[in-house]
Amino acid sequence: MGEGAASLLTECHDKISDWATAYMWTCRTDYFFKRAQFNASSKIYAAELNVGKAGPNHGEDGVQQPDIDDMTNCYASGGGKSCHIEGQPYLFGEIHHQNTATTEEVANFQDNYQTNIGALIKGEQTNLISFSGNVVYNVFDLDNGLSMSPVSSFPVACHVHDQQIYPAQGF
């Protein structure tokens, strides 16, 4: 299995985790964004990160720290899952800080991610698209770079939540 995002299944390894993530975070955020009053000057950005933890797998020599048992399947080179908060090590350059052995593709992904998020933080021109009435997700993908998607990573679950669950809860 290569280090590319094509090796990743979803944000969560177990199907119940997918459902919980969709219900509590992804779909609820998507539901809010669709109903918010954003305009051309809105500075709200939604992003999805499709990349696993860089470098050797859990428990191997040279593994990027922290390396904990709960992250066993988070490595792009191994378990096939992207893990929550994996953007942080890419943003802060942990590949370089920890001298993590990885591919040039992963190192370039990190540099591109840092450039785009850094420009956004500094108020500079960025390739990211903000919400302005249309729901758009900025997708950072190891295989495809930065792209835009009109739907979240859970389109079927979010549709069910939007039509049945959230309205019944008074949202």
Protein backbone atom coordinates (compact mmCIF):
# COMPACT_ATOMS: atom_id res chain seq x y z
CA MET A 1 0.00 0.00 0.00
CA GLY A 2 1.51 3.34 -1.01
CA GLU A 3 1.54 6.60 0.92
CA GLY A 4 -1.06 8.19 -1.36
CA ALA A 5 -4.49 9.26 -0.21
CA ALA A 6 -5.96 6.57 -2.45
CA SER A 7 -4.91 4.15 0.28
CA LEU A 8 -7.12 5.93 2.81
CA LEU A 9 -10.59 4.65 3.46
CA THR A 10 -12.35 7.38 5.42
CA GLU A 11 -11.77 9.61 8.42
CA CYS A 12 -12.72 6.72 10.70
CA HIS A 13 -11.69 3.08 10.72
CA ASP A 14 -14.97 1.70 12.08
CA LYS A 15 -18.37 2.33 10.50
CA ILE A 16 -19.93 3.43 13.82
CA SER A 17 -17.15 6.00 14.07
CA ASP A 18 -18.05 7.25 10.59
CA TRP A 19 -21.66 7.65 11.69
CA ALA A 20 -20.71 9.44 14.93
CA THR A 21 -18.31 11.75 13.09
CA ALA A 22 -20.97 12.55 10.51
CA TYR A 23 -23.68 13.13 13.13
CA MET A 24 -21.68 15.17 15.65
CA TRP A 25 -19.32 17.11 13.43
CA THR A 26 -19.29 16.89 9.64
CA CYS A 27 -23.01 16.90 8.89
CA ARG A 28 -23.89 19.35 11.63
CA THR A 29 -21.25 21.79 10.36
CA ASP A 30 -22.46 21.29 6.79
CA TYR A 31 -26.07 21.89 7.91
CA PHE A 32 -25.07 25.14 9.61
CA PHE A 33 -23.05 26.38 6.62
CA LYS A 34 -25.94 25.75 4.23
CA ARG A 35 -28.23 27.93 6.36
CA ALA A 36 -25.81 30.68 7.39
CA GLN A 37 -25.96 34.17 5.96
CA PHE A 38 -22.51 34.32 4.33
CA ASN A 39 -21.61 36.83 1.66
CA ALA A 40 -18.64 37.69 -0.55
CA SER A 41 -16.73 39.18 2.39
CA SER A 42 -17.18 36.11 4.64
CA LYS A 43 -13.94 34.68 5.94
CA ILE A 44 -15.21 31.19 6.73
CA TYR A 45 -13.36 28.24 5.23
CA ALA A 46 -14.19 24.54 5.39
CA ALA A 47 -11.40 22.10 4.69
CA GLU A 48 -10.95 18.37 4.58
CA LEU A 49 -7.56 16.75 4.84
CA ASN A 50 -7.08 13.44 3.03
CA VAL A 51 -3.67 12.23 4.16
CA GLY A 52 -2.43 9.85 6.81
CA LYS A 53 0.40 10.34 9.28
CA ALA A 54 3.75 10.61 7.48
CA GLY A 55 6.64 8.25 7.86
CA PRO A 56 7.11 4.78 9.31
CA ASN A 57 4.18 2.93 10.88
CA HIS A 58 3.21 2.75 14.53
CA GLY A 59 5.95 1.22 16.67
CA GLU A 60 8.62 1.27 13.96
CA ASP A 61 12.02 2.99 14.20
CA GLY A 62 11.84 6.63 13.12
CA VAL A 63 8.09 6.91 13.64
CA GLN A 64 6.84 10.48 13.93
CA GLN A 65 5.95 11.42 17.51
CA PRO A 66 3.58 11.23 19.24
CA ASP A 67 3.12 7.54 18.53
CA ILE A 68 0.32 6.07 20.61
CA ASP A 69 -1.65 2.84 20.39
CA ASP A 70 -4.84 4.66 19.36
CA MET A 71 -3.06 5.82 16.21
CA THR A 72 -2.15 2.34 14.97
CA ASN A 73 -4.20 2.74 11.79
CA CYS A 74 -3.49 6.43 11.14
CA TYR A 75 -0.41 6.00 8.97
CA ALA A 76 -0.67 6.53 5.23
CA SER A 77 1.91 3.79 4.73
CA GLY A 78 -0.01 1.23 6.75
CA GLY A 79 -3.52 1.04 8.16
CA GLY A 80 -5.34 3.03 5.51
CA LYS A 81 -7.04 5.72 7.58
CA SER A 82 -6.68 9.45 8.04
CA CYS A 83 -6.93 10.51 11.66
CA HIS A 84 -8.45 13.45 13.45
CA ILE A 85 -6.07 16.42 13.95
CA GLU A 86 -3.52 15.11 11.45
CA GLY A 87 -3.38 18.60 9.96
CA GLN A 88 -1.45 19.87 12.98
CA PRO A 89 1.82 18.00 12.29
CA TYR A 90 1.63 19.03 8.64
CA LEU A 91 0.97 22.66 9.53
CA PHE A 92 3.84 22.81 12.02
CA GLY A 93 6.30 20.95 9.79
CA GLU A 94 6.88 17.87 11.89
CA ILE A 95 8.33 15.99 8.92
CA HIS A 96 11.25 18.46 8.99
CA HIS A 97 11.42 19.02 12.76
CA GLN A 98 11.55 15.30 13.54
CA ASN A 99 13.55 14.33 10.44
CA THR A 100 10.82 11.87 9.51
CA ALA A 101 11.77 9.60 6.63
CA THR A 102 9.06 10.04 4.01
CA THR A 103 8.56 10.51 0.29
CA GLU A 104 9.11 13.71 -1.65
CA GLU A 105 5.39 13.64 -2.44
CA VAL A 106 4.50 13.82 1.28
CA ALA A 107 7.09 16.55 1.93
CA ASN A 108 5.68 18.60 -0.98
CA PHE A 109 2.15 18.04 0.36
CA GLN A 110 3.25 19.44 3.72
CA ASP A 111 4.85 22.49 2.09
CA ASN A 112 1.70 23.19 0.04
CA TYR A 113 -0.55 22.76 3.08
CA GLN A 114 1.64 25.13 5.14
CA THR A 115 1.71 27.70 2.34
CA ASN A 116 -2.08 27.77 1.93
CA ILE A 117 -2.98 27.76 5.62
CA GLY A 118 -0.16 30.19 6.47
CA ALA A 119 -1.35 32.65 3.82
CA LEU A 120 -4.88 32.41 5.18
CA ILE A 121 -3.69 33.08 8.75
CA LYS A 122 -1.62 36.07 7.61
CA GLY A 123 -4.49 37.52 5.57
CA GLU A 124 -2.61 37.06 2.31
CA GLN A 125 -3.85 35.77 -1.03
CA THR A 126 -4.62 32.06 -0.85
CA ASN A 127 -5.96 29.38 -3.15
CA LEU A 128 -8.65 28.51 -0.61
CA ILE A 129 -12.29 29.31 -1.30
CA SER A 130 -14.44 30.84 1.43
CA PHE A 131 -18.16 30.30 1.87
CA SER A 132 -20.17 32.97 0.11
CA GLY A 133 -23.61 31.46 -0.06
CA ASN A 134 -22.41 28.29 -1.77
CA VAL A 135 -21.13 25.37 0.25
CA VAL A 136 -17.60 24.56 -0.87
CA TYR A 137 -15.06 22.34 0.86
CA ASN A 138 -11.36 22.92 0.29
CA VAL A 139 -9.99 19.38 -0.01
CA PHE A 140 -6.29 18.84 0.67
CA ASP A 141 -5.51 15.48 -0.89
CA LEU A 142 -2.13 13.81 -1.13
CA ASP A 143 -2.86 12.36 -4.58
CA ASN A 144 -4.78 15.30 -6.08
CA GLY A 145 -3.43 18.37 -4.29
CA LEU A 146 -5.91 21.12 -3.43
CA SER A 147 -9.35 20.83 -4.98
CA MET A 148 -12.86 22.04 -4.25
CA SER A 149 -15.86 19.88 -3.50
CA PRO A 150 -19.51 20.91 -3.12
CA VAL A 151 -20.18 18.03 -0.70
CA SER A 152 -18.64 16.79 2.51
CA SER A 153 -17.05 13.38 2.93
CA PHE A 154 -20.38 11.93 4.16
CA PRO A 155 -22.89 12.99 1.47
CA VAL A 156 -25.45 10.22 2.05
CA ALA A 157 -25.39 10.45 5.85
CA CYS A 158 -25.55 14.24 5.74
CA HIS A 159 -28.53 14.18 3.40
CA VAL A 160 -30.43 11.93 5.83
CA HIS A 161 -29.43 14.13 8.77
CA ASP A 162 -30.44 17.30 6.87
CA GLN A 163 -33.86 15.98 5.85
CA GLN A 164 -34.91 14.04 8.93
CA ILE A 165 -32.76 14.20 12.03
CA TYR A 166 -31.82 17.86 12.50
CA PRO A 167 -35.27 19.31 11.72
CA ALA A 168 -36.83 16.84 14.16
CA GLN A 169 -34.40 18.13 16.82
CA GLY A 170 -35.39 21.73 16.16
CA PHE A 171 -32.21 22.78 14.34
